[in-house]
Full PDB file with SEQRES, HELIX, SHEET, SSBOND, CRYST1, ORIGX, SCALE, CONECT and MASTER records, all heavy atoms in Angstrom:
SEQRES   1 A   35  MET LEU LYS LEU LYS ASN LEU PHE LYS LYS PHE SER ALA          
SEQRES   2 A   35  ALA GLU ALA GLY ALA VAL THR VAL ASP TRP VAL VAL LEU          
SEQRES   3 A   35  ALA ALA ALA VAL VAL GLY LEU SER ALA                          
HELIX    1 AA1 LEU A    2  ALA A   13  1                                  12    
HELIX    2 AA2 ALA A   16  SER A   34  1                                  19    
CRYST1    1.000    1.000    1.000  90.00  90.00  90.00 P 1           1          
ORIGX1      1.000000  0.000000  0.000000        0.00000                         
ORIGX2      0.000000  1.000000  0.000000        0.00000                         
ORIGX3      0.000000  0.000000  1.000000        0.00000                         
SCALE1      1.000000  0.000000  0.000000        0.00000                         
SCALE2      0.000000  1.000000  0.000000        0.00000                         
SCALE3      0.000000  0.000000  1.000000        0.00000                         
ATOM      1  N   MET A   1     106.858 -69.747  36.080  1.00  0.00           N  
ATOM      2  CA  MET A   1     107.190 -70.054  37.457  1.00  0.00           C  
ATOM      3  C   MET A   1     106.815 -71.492  37.803  1.00  0.00           C  
ATOM      4  O   MET A   1     107.510 -72.140  38.562  1.00  0.00           O  
ATOM      5  CB  MET A   1     106.479 -69.046  38.367  1.00  0.00           C  
ATOM      6  CG  MET A   1     106.835 -69.176  39.803  1.00  0.00           C  
ATOM      7  SD  MET A   1     108.544 -68.665  40.011  1.00  0.00           S  
ATOM      8  CE  MET A   1     108.695 -68.773  41.724  1.00  0.00           C  
ATOM      9  N   LEU A   2     105.717 -71.974  37.236  1.00  0.00           N  
ATOM     10  CA  LEU A   2     105.274 -73.337  37.508  1.00  0.00           C  
ATOM     11  C   LEU A   2     106.285 -74.353  36.988  1.00  0.00           C  
ATOM     12  O   LEU A   2     106.545 -75.371  37.641  1.00  0.00           O  
ATOM     13  CB  LEU A   2     103.896 -73.568  36.870  1.00  0.00           C  
ATOM     14  CG  LEU A   2     103.242 -74.913  37.160  1.00  0.00           C  
ATOM     15  CD1 LEU A   2     103.034 -75.087  38.659  1.00  0.00           C  
ATOM     16  CD2 LEU A   2     101.915 -75.010  36.459  1.00  0.00           C  
ATOM     17  N   LYS A   3     106.883 -74.053  35.826  1.00  0.00           N  
ATOM     18  CA  LYS A   3     107.869 -74.969  35.255  1.00  0.00           C  
ATOM     19  C   LYS A   3     109.094 -75.080  36.170  1.00  0.00           C  
ATOM     20  O   LYS A   3     109.623 -76.165  36.386  1.00  0.00           O  
ATOM     21  CB  LYS A   3     108.278 -74.469  33.867  1.00  0.00           C  
ATOM     22  CG  LYS A   3     109.128 -75.430  33.100  1.00  0.00           C  
ATOM     23  CD  LYS A   3     109.366 -74.928  31.697  1.00  0.00           C  
ATOM     24  CE  LYS A   3     110.160 -75.917  30.910  1.00  0.00           C  
ATOM     25  NZ  LYS A   3     110.419 -75.460  29.552  1.00  0.00           N  
ATOM     26  N   LEU A   4     109.527 -73.972  36.720  1.00  0.00           N  
ATOM     27  CA  LEU A   4     110.664 -73.952  37.625  1.00  0.00           C  
ATOM     28  C   LEU A   4     110.335 -74.716  38.911  1.00  0.00           C  
ATOM     29  O   LEU A   4     111.175 -75.449  39.430  1.00  0.00           O  
ATOM     30  CB  LEU A   4     111.063 -72.512  37.949  1.00  0.00           C  
ATOM     31  CG  LEU A   4     112.311 -72.332  38.797  1.00  0.00           C  
ATOM     32  CD1 LEU A   4     113.521 -72.933  38.091  1.00  0.00           C  
ATOM     33  CD2 LEU A   4     112.558 -70.866  39.069  1.00  0.00           C  
ATOM     34  N   LYS A   5     109.118 -74.581  39.381  1.00  0.00           N  
ATOM     35  CA  LYS A   5     108.686 -75.282  40.587  1.00  0.00           C  
ATOM     36  C   LYS A   5     108.693 -76.795  40.354  1.00  0.00           C  
ATOM     37  O   LYS A   5     109.147 -77.561  41.207  1.00  0.00           O  
ATOM     38  CB  LYS A   5     107.290 -74.813  40.979  1.00  0.00           C  
ATOM     39  CG  LYS A   5     106.895 -75.122  42.369  1.00  0.00           C  
ATOM     40  CD  LYS A   5     105.522 -74.528  42.652  1.00  0.00           C  
ATOM     41  CE  LYS A   5     105.428 -74.072  44.078  1.00  0.00           C  
ATOM     42  NZ  LYS A   5     104.121 -73.520  44.388  1.00  0.00           N  
ATOM     43  N   ASN A   6     108.197 -77.221  39.196  1.00  0.00           N  
ATOM     44  CA  ASN A   6     108.211 -78.648  38.862  1.00  0.00           C  
ATOM     45  C   ASN A   6     109.634 -79.174  38.716  1.00  0.00           C  
ATOM     46  O   ASN A   6     109.924 -80.297  39.135  1.00  0.00           O  
ATOM     47  CB  ASN A   6     107.423 -78.913  37.578  1.00  0.00           C  
ATOM     48  CG  ASN A   6     105.928 -78.779  37.773  1.00  0.00           C  
ATOM     49  OD1 ASN A   6     105.440 -78.887  38.895  1.00  0.00           O  
ATOM     50  ND2 ASN A   6     105.211 -78.512  36.696  1.00  0.00           N  
ATOM     51  N   LEU A   7     110.487 -78.381  38.131  1.00  0.00           N  
ATOM     52  CA  LEU A   7     111.883 -78.778  37.980  1.00  0.00           C  
ATOM     53  C   LEU A   7     112.541 -78.959  39.344  1.00  0.00           C  
ATOM     54  O   LEU A   7     113.269 -79.924  39.575  1.00  0.00           O  
ATOM     55  CB  LEU A   7     112.647 -77.731  37.152  1.00  0.00           C  
ATOM     56  CG  LEU A   7     114.108 -78.031  36.862  1.00  0.00           C  
ATOM     57  CD1 LEU A   7     114.235 -79.286  36.013  1.00  0.00           C  
ATOM     58  CD2 LEU A   7     114.742 -76.861  36.147  1.00  0.00           C  
ATOM     59  N   PHE A   8     112.268 -78.051  40.262  1.00  0.00           N  
ATOM     60  CA  PHE A   8     112.823 -78.155  41.606  1.00  0.00           C  
ATOM     61  C   PHE A   8     112.291 -79.392  42.333  1.00  0.00           C  
ATOM     62  O   PHE A   8     113.036 -80.077  43.035  1.00  0.00           O  
ATOM     63  CB  PHE A   8     112.526 -76.889  42.421  1.00  0.00           C  
ATOM     64  CG  PHE A   8     113.123 -76.929  43.794  1.00  0.00           C  
ATOM     65  CD1 PHE A   8     114.488 -76.820  43.977  1.00  0.00           C  
ATOM     66  CD2 PHE A   8     112.319 -77.110  44.907  1.00  0.00           C  
ATOM     67  CE1 PHE A   8     115.048 -76.879  45.241  1.00  0.00           C  
ATOM     68  CE2 PHE A   8     112.864 -77.171  46.170  1.00  0.00           C  
ATOM     69  CZ  PHE A   8     114.237 -77.057  46.337  1.00  0.00           C  
ATOM     70  N   LYS A   9     111.008 -79.705  42.163  1.00  0.00           N  
ATOM     71  CA  LYS A   9     110.429 -80.891  42.788  1.00  0.00           C  
ATOM     72  C   LYS A   9     111.100 -82.163  42.268  1.00  0.00           C  
ATOM     73  O   LYS A   9     111.423 -83.064  43.037  1.00  0.00           O  
ATOM     74  CB  LYS A   9     108.928 -80.958  42.523  1.00  0.00           C  
ATOM     75  CG  LYS A   9     108.105 -80.082  43.418  1.00  0.00           C  
ATOM     76  CD  LYS A   9     106.622 -80.294  43.143  1.00  0.00           C  
ATOM     77  CE  LYS A   9     105.782 -79.379  44.000  1.00  0.00           C  
ATOM     78  NZ  LYS A   9     104.343 -79.568  43.760  1.00  0.00           N  
ATOM     79  N   LYS A  10     111.309 -82.231  40.956  1.00  0.00           N  
ATOM     80  CA  LYS A  10     111.976 -83.399  40.374  1.00  0.00           C  
ATOM     81  C   LYS A  10     113.408 -83.519  40.885  1.00  0.00           C  
ATOM     82  O   LYS A  10     113.880 -84.605  41.202  1.00  0.00           O  
ATOM     83  CB  LYS A  10     111.985 -83.303  38.843  1.00  0.00           C  
ATOM     84  CG  LYS A  10     110.670 -83.599  38.197  1.00  0.00           C  
ATOM     85  CD  LYS A  10     110.800 -83.522  36.687  1.00  0.00           C  
ATOM     86  CE  LYS A  10     109.475 -83.723  35.991  1.00  0.00           C  
ATOM     87  NZ  LYS A  10     109.604 -83.640  34.534  1.00  0.00           N  
ATOM     88  N   PHE A  11     114.094 -82.392  40.960  1.00  0.00           N  
ATOM     89  CA  PHE A  11     115.478 -82.399  41.428  1.00  0.00           C  
ATOM     90  C   PHE A  11     115.571 -82.854  42.880  1.00  0.00           C  
ATOM     91  O   PHE A  11     116.433 -83.656  43.246  1.00  0.00           O  
ATOM     92  CB  PHE A  11     116.092 -81.004  41.277  1.00  0.00           C  
ATOM     93  CG  PHE A  11     117.506 -80.919  41.778  1.00  0.00           C  
ATOM     94  CD1 PHE A  11     118.542 -81.453  41.050  1.00  0.00           C  
ATOM     95  CD2 PHE A  11     117.784 -80.295  42.992  1.00  0.00           C  
ATOM     96  CE1 PHE A  11     119.847 -81.382  41.516  1.00  0.00           C  
ATOM     97  CE2 PHE A  11     119.070 -80.217  43.469  1.00  0.00           C  
ATOM     98  CZ  PHE A  11     120.106 -80.759  42.726  1.00  0.00           C  
ATOM     99  N   SER A  12     114.690 -82.366  43.727  1.00  0.00           N  
ATOM    100  CA  SER A  12     114.735 -82.715  45.150  1.00  0.00           C  
ATOM    101  C   SER A  12     114.297 -84.154  45.410  1.00  0.00           C  
ATOM    102  O   SER A  12     114.675 -84.750  46.411  1.00  0.00           O  
ATOM    103  CB  SER A  12     113.888 -81.746  45.962  1.00  0.00           C  
ATOM    104  OG  SER A  12     112.540 -81.840  45.596  1.00  0.00           O  
ATOM    105  N   ALA A  13     113.512 -84.727  44.498  1.00  0.00           N  
ATOM    106  CA  ALA A  13     113.050 -86.103  44.666  1.00  0.00           C  
ATOM    107  C   ALA A  13     114.039 -87.122  44.123  1.00  0.00           C  
ATOM    108  O   ALA A  13     113.979 -88.300  44.481  1.00  0.00           O  
ATOM    109  CB  ALA A  13     111.701 -86.289  43.982  1.00  0.00           C  
ATOM    110  N   ALA A  14     114.957 -86.708  43.280  1.00  0.00           N  
ATOM    111  CA  ALA A  14     115.925 -87.633  42.687  1.00  0.00           C  
ATOM    112  C   ALA A  14     116.889 -88.128  43.758  1.00  0.00           C  
ATOM    113  O   ALA A  14     117.419 -87.356  44.540  1.00  0.00           O  
ATOM    114  CB  ALA A  14     116.682 -86.946  41.565  1.00  0.00           C  
ATOM    115  N   GLU A  15     117.110 -89.441  43.804  1.00  0.00           N  
ATOM    116  CA  GLU A  15     117.976 -90.026  44.818  1.00  0.00           C  
ATOM    117  C   GLU A  15     119.243 -90.629  44.241  1.00  0.00           C  
ATOM    118  O   GLU A  15     120.078 -91.129  44.987  1.00  0.00           O  
ATOM    119  CB  GLU A  15     117.206 -91.090  45.587  1.00  0.00           C  
ATOM    120  CG  GLU A  15     116.065 -90.527  46.402  1.00  0.00           C  
ATOM    121  CD  GLU A  15     115.384 -91.579  47.238  1.00  0.00           C  
ATOM    122  OE1 GLU A  15     115.885 -92.714  47.270  1.00  0.00           O  
ATOM    123  OE2 GLU A  15     114.364 -91.265  47.851  1.00  0.00           O  
ATOM    124  N   ALA A  16     119.406 -90.624  42.945  1.00  0.00           N  
ATOM    125  CA  ALA A  16     120.580 -91.259  42.334  1.00  0.00           C  
ATOM    126  C   ALA A  16     121.879 -90.606  42.807  1.00  0.00           C  
ATOM    127  O   ALA A  16     122.858 -91.282  43.084  1.00  0.00           O  
ATOM    128  CB  ALA A  16     120.482 -91.188  40.816  1.00  0.00           C  
ATOM    129  N   GLY A  17     121.902 -89.325  42.932  1.00  0.00           N  
ATOM    130  CA  GLY A  17     123.102 -88.636  43.392  1.00  0.00           C  
ATOM    131  C   GLY A  17     123.405 -88.942  44.844  1.00  0.00           C  
ATOM    132  O   GLY A  17     124.557 -89.088  45.240  1.00  0.00           O  
ATOM    133  N   ALA A  18     122.370 -89.077  45.659  1.00  0.00           N  
ATOM    134  CA  ALA A  18     122.553 -89.377  47.079  1.00  0.00           C  
ATOM    135  C   ALA A  18     123.158 -90.764  47.258  1.00  0.00           C  
ATOM    136  O   ALA A  18     124.016 -90.968  48.118  1.00  0.00           O  
ATOM    137  CB  ALA A  18     121.227 -89.269  47.813  1.00  0.00           C  
ATOM    138  N   VAL A  19     122.730 -91.698  46.452  1.00  0.00           N  
ATOM    139  CA  VAL A  19     123.275 -93.053  46.537  1.00  0.00           C  
ATOM    140  C   VAL A  19     124.751 -93.043  46.149  1.00  0.00           C  
ATOM    141  O   VAL A  19     125.580 -93.705  46.791  1.00  0.00           O  
ATOM    142  CB  VAL A  19     122.476 -94.018  45.630  1.00  0.00           C  
ATOM    143  CG1 VAL A  19     123.141 -95.371  45.563  1.00  0.00           C  
ATOM    144  CG2 VAL A  19     121.050 -94.140  46.126  1.00  0.00           C  
ATOM    145  N   THR A  20     125.092 -92.283  45.141  1.00  0.00           N  
ATOM    146  CA  THR A  20     126.490 -92.179  44.726  1.00  0.00           C  
ATOM    147  C   THR A  20     127.338 -91.586  45.842  1.00  0.00           C  
ATOM    148  O   THR A  20     128.429 -92.090  46.134  1.00  0.00           O  
ATOM    149  CB  THR A  20     126.599 -91.307  43.460  1.00  0.00           C  
ATOM    150  OG1 THR A  20     125.805 -91.895  42.430  1.00  0.00           O  
ATOM    151  CG2 THR A  20     128.029 -91.204  42.990  1.00  0.00           C  
ATOM    152  N   VAL A  21     126.850 -90.558  46.479  1.00  0.00           N  
ATOM    153  CA  VAL A  21     127.580 -89.939  47.587  1.00  0.00           C  
ATOM    154  C   VAL A  21     127.748 -90.942  48.726  1.00  0.00           C  
ATOM    155  O   VAL A  21     128.823 -91.032  49.327  1.00  0.00           O  
ATOM    156  CB  VAL A  21     126.861 -88.660  48.071  1.00  0.00           C  
ATOM    157  CG1 VAL A  21     127.472 -88.140  49.352  1.00  0.00           C  
ATOM    158  CG2 VAL A  21     126.905 -87.596  46.991  1.00  0.00           C  
ATOM    159  N   ASP A  22     126.713 -91.704  49.005  1.00  0.00           N  
ATOM    160  CA  ASP A  22     126.813 -92.716  50.062  1.00  0.00           C  
ATOM    161  C   ASP A  22     127.914 -93.728  49.750  1.00  0.00           C  
ATOM    162  O   ASP A  22     128.702 -94.095  50.623  1.00  0.00           O  
ATOM    163  CB  ASP A  22     125.487 -93.455  50.231  1.00  0.00           C  
ATOM    164  CG  ASP A  22     124.414 -92.599  50.880  1.00  0.00           C  
ATOM    165  OD1 ASP A  22     124.757 -91.555  51.450  1.00  0.00           O  
ATOM    166  OD2 ASP A  22     123.227 -92.989  50.801  1.00  0.00           O  
ATOM    167  N   TRP A  23     127.976 -94.187  48.508  1.00  0.00           N  
ATOM    168  CA  TRP A  23     128.995 -95.162  48.134  1.00  0.00           C  
ATOM    169  C   TRP A  23     130.399 -94.570  48.188  1.00  0.00           C  
ATOM    170  O   TRP A  23     131.354 -95.245  48.577  1.00  0.00           O  
ATOM    171  CB  TRP A  23     128.719 -95.734  46.735  1.00  0.00           C  
ATOM    172  CG  TRP A  23     127.735 -96.858  46.789  1.00  0.00           C  
ATOM    173  CD1 TRP A  23     126.444 -96.829  46.386  1.00  0.00           C  
ATOM    174  CD2 TRP A  23     127.964 -98.175  47.288  1.00  0.00           C  
ATOM    175  NE1 TRP A  23     125.856 -98.047  46.612  1.00  0.00           N  
ATOM    176  CE2 TRP A  23     126.771 -98.899  47.161  1.00  0.00           C  
ATOM    177  CE3 TRP A  23     129.076 -98.816  47.832  1.00  0.00           C  
ATOM    178  CZ2 TRP A  23     126.650-100.224  47.570  1.00  0.00           C  
ATOM    179  CZ3 TRP A  23     128.949-100.138  48.235  1.00  0.00           C  
ATOM    180  CH2 TRP A  23     127.748-100.825  48.094  1.00  0.00           C  
ATOM    181  N   VAL A  24     130.528 -93.315  47.811  1.00  0.00           N  
ATOM    182  CA  VAL A  24     131.838 -92.665  47.872  1.00  0.00           C  
ATOM    183  C   VAL A  24     132.303 -92.555  49.321  1.00  0.00           C  
ATOM    184  O   VAL A  24     133.457 -92.838  49.646  1.00  0.00           O  
ATOM    185  CB  VAL A  24     131.797 -91.279  47.188  1.00  0.00           C  
ATOM    186  CG1 VAL A  24     133.035 -90.468  47.496  1.00  0.00           C  
ATOM    187  CG2 VAL A  24     131.629 -91.448  45.686  1.00  0.00           C  
ATOM    188  N   VAL A  25     131.404 -92.158  50.208  1.00  0.00           N  
ATOM    189  CA  VAL A  25     131.750 -92.052  51.628  1.00  0.00           C  
ATOM    190  C   VAL A  25     132.094 -93.424  52.194  1.00  0.00           C  
ATOM    191  O   VAL A  25     133.070 -93.577  52.938  1.00  0.00           O  
ATOM    192  CB  VAL A  25     130.593 -91.397  52.418  1.00  0.00           C  
ATOM    193  CG1 VAL A  25     130.823 -91.483  53.916  1.00  0.00           C  
ATOM    194  CG2 VAL A  25     130.421 -89.952  51.983  1.00  0.00           C  
ATOM    195  N   LEU A  26     131.329 -94.430  51.845  1.00  0.00           N  
ATOM    196  CA  LEU A  26     131.596 -95.784  52.315  1.00  0.00           C  
ATOM    197  C   LEU A  26     132.946 -96.287  51.804  1.00  0.00           C  
ATOM    198  O   LEU A  26     133.730 -96.876  52.563  1.00  0.00           O  
ATOM    199  CB  LEU A  26     130.480 -96.728  51.864  1.00  0.00           C  
ATOM    200  CG  LEU A  26     130.594 -98.176  52.315  1.00  0.00           C  
ATOM    201  CD1 LEU A  26     130.556 -98.261  53.829  1.00  0.00           C  
ATOM    202  CD2 LEU A  26     129.472 -98.991  51.709  1.00  0.00           C  
ATOM    203  N   ALA A  27     133.235 -96.055  50.540  1.00  0.00           N  
ATOM    204  CA  ALA A  27     134.522 -96.483  49.974  1.00  0.00           C  
ATOM    205  C   ALA A  27     135.682 -95.758  50.643  1.00  0.00           C  
ATOM    206  O   ALA A  27     136.722 -96.368  50.938  1.00  0.00           O  
ATOM    207  CB  ALA A  27     134.543 -96.237  48.467  1.00  0.00           C  
ATOM    208  N   ALA A  28     135.531 -94.481  50.914  1.00  0.00           N  
ATOM    209  CA  ALA A  28     136.589 -93.724  51.589  1.00  0.00           C  
ATOM    210  C   ALA A  28     136.811 -94.255  53.006  1.00  0.00           C  
ATOM    211  O   ALA A  28     137.958 -94.348  53.469  1.00  0.00           O  
ATOM    212  CB  ALA A  28     136.229 -92.239  51.624  1.00  0.00           C  
ATOM    213  N   ALA A  29     135.749 -94.617  53.686  1.00  0.00           N  
ATOM    214  CA  ALA A  29     135.874 -95.182  55.029  1.00  0.00           C  
ATOM    215  C   ALA A  29     136.607 -96.520  54.998  1.00  0.00           C  
ATOM    216  O   ALA A  29     137.453 -96.793  55.852  1.00  0.00           O  
ATOM    217  CB  ALA A  29     134.501 -95.339  55.662  1.00  0.00           C  
ATOM    218  N   VAL A  30     136.302 -97.349  54.018  1.00  0.00           N  
ATOM    219  CA  VAL A  30     136.974 -98.649  53.890  1.00  0.00           C  
ATOM    220  C   VAL A  30     138.460 -98.459  53.607  1.00  0.00           C  
ATOM    221  O   VAL A  30     139.313 -99.130  54.196  1.00  0.00           O  
ATOM    222  CB  VAL A  30     136.305 -99.507  52.794  1.00  0.00           C  
ATOM    223  CG1 VAL A  30     137.145-100.720  52.441  1.00  0.00           C  
ATOM    224  CG2 VAL A  30     134.917 -99.925  53.235  1.00  0.00           C  
ATOM    225  N   VAL A  31     138.797 -97.533  52.726  1.00  0.00           N  
ATOM    226  CA  VAL A  31     140.201 -97.265  52.404  1.00  0.00           C  
ATOM    227  C   VAL A  31     140.932 -96.735  53.632  1.00  0.00           C  
ATOM    228  O   VAL A  31     142.051 -97.167  53.946  1.00  0.00           O  
ATOM    229  CB  VAL A  31     140.315 -96.280  51.220  1.00  0.00           C  
ATOM    230  CG1 VAL A  31     141.738 -95.780  51.050  1.00  0.00           C  
ATOM    231  CG2 VAL A  31     139.833 -96.945  49.947  1.00  0.00           C  
ATOM    232  N   GLY A  32     140.319 -95.814  54.356  1.00  0.00           N  
ATOM    233  CA  GLY A  32     140.939 -95.261  55.554  1.00  0.00           C  
ATOM    234  C   GLY A  32     141.145 -96.315  56.621  1.00  0.00           C  
ATOM    235  O   GLY A  32     142.213 -96.389  57.241  1.00  0.00           O  
ATOM    236  N   LEU A  33     140.148 -97.142  56.847  1.00  0.00           N  
ATOM    237  CA  LEU A  33     140.262 -98.210  57.835  1.00  0.00           C  
ATOM    238  C   LEU A  33     141.328 -99.218  57.422  1.00  0.00           C  
ATOM    239  O   LEU A  33     142.106 -99.702  58.258  1.00  0.00           O  
ATOM    240  CB  LEU A  33     138.918 -98.909  58.013  1.00  0.00           C  
ATOM    241  CG  LEU A  33     138.840 -99.967  59.092  1.00  0.00           C  
ATOM    242  CD1 LEU A  33     139.158 -99.365  60.453  1.00  0.00           C  
ATOM    243  CD2 LEU A  33     137.465-100.597  59.111  1.00  0.00           C  
ATOM    244  N   SER A  34     141.403 -99.527  56.146  1.00  0.00           N  
ATOM    245  CA  SER A  34     142.430-100.444  55.651  1.00  0.00           C  
ATOM    246  C   SER A  34     143.828 -99.888  55.885  1.00  0.00           C  
ATOM    247  O   SER A  34     144.750-100.638  56.238  1.00  0.00           O  
ATOM    248  CB  SER A  34     142.231-100.711  54.165  1.00  0.00           C  
ATOM    249  OG  SER A  34     140.992-101.325  53.934  1.00  0.00           O  
ATOM    250  N   ALA A  35     143.998 -98.603  55.697  1.00  0.00           N  
ATOM    251  CA  ALA A  35     145.304 -97.987  55.927  1.00  0.00           C  
ATOM    252  C   ALA A  35     145.695 -98.073  57.401  1.00  0.00           C  
ATOM    253  O   ALA A  35     146.854 -98.381  57.732  1.00  0.00           O  
ATOM    254  CB  ALA A  35     145.283 -96.532  55.473  1.00  0.00           C  
TER     255      ALA A  35                                                      
MASTER        0    0    0    2    0    0    0    6  254    1    0    3          
END                                                                             
């Protein structure tokens, strides 16, 4: 159970995916505004 708890902590602390999502949303907004 401790291993699963540590895995969840690492997953929730990772920000690389959040940054990617931010860039995708920003790029979509730029494309929409350009259109």
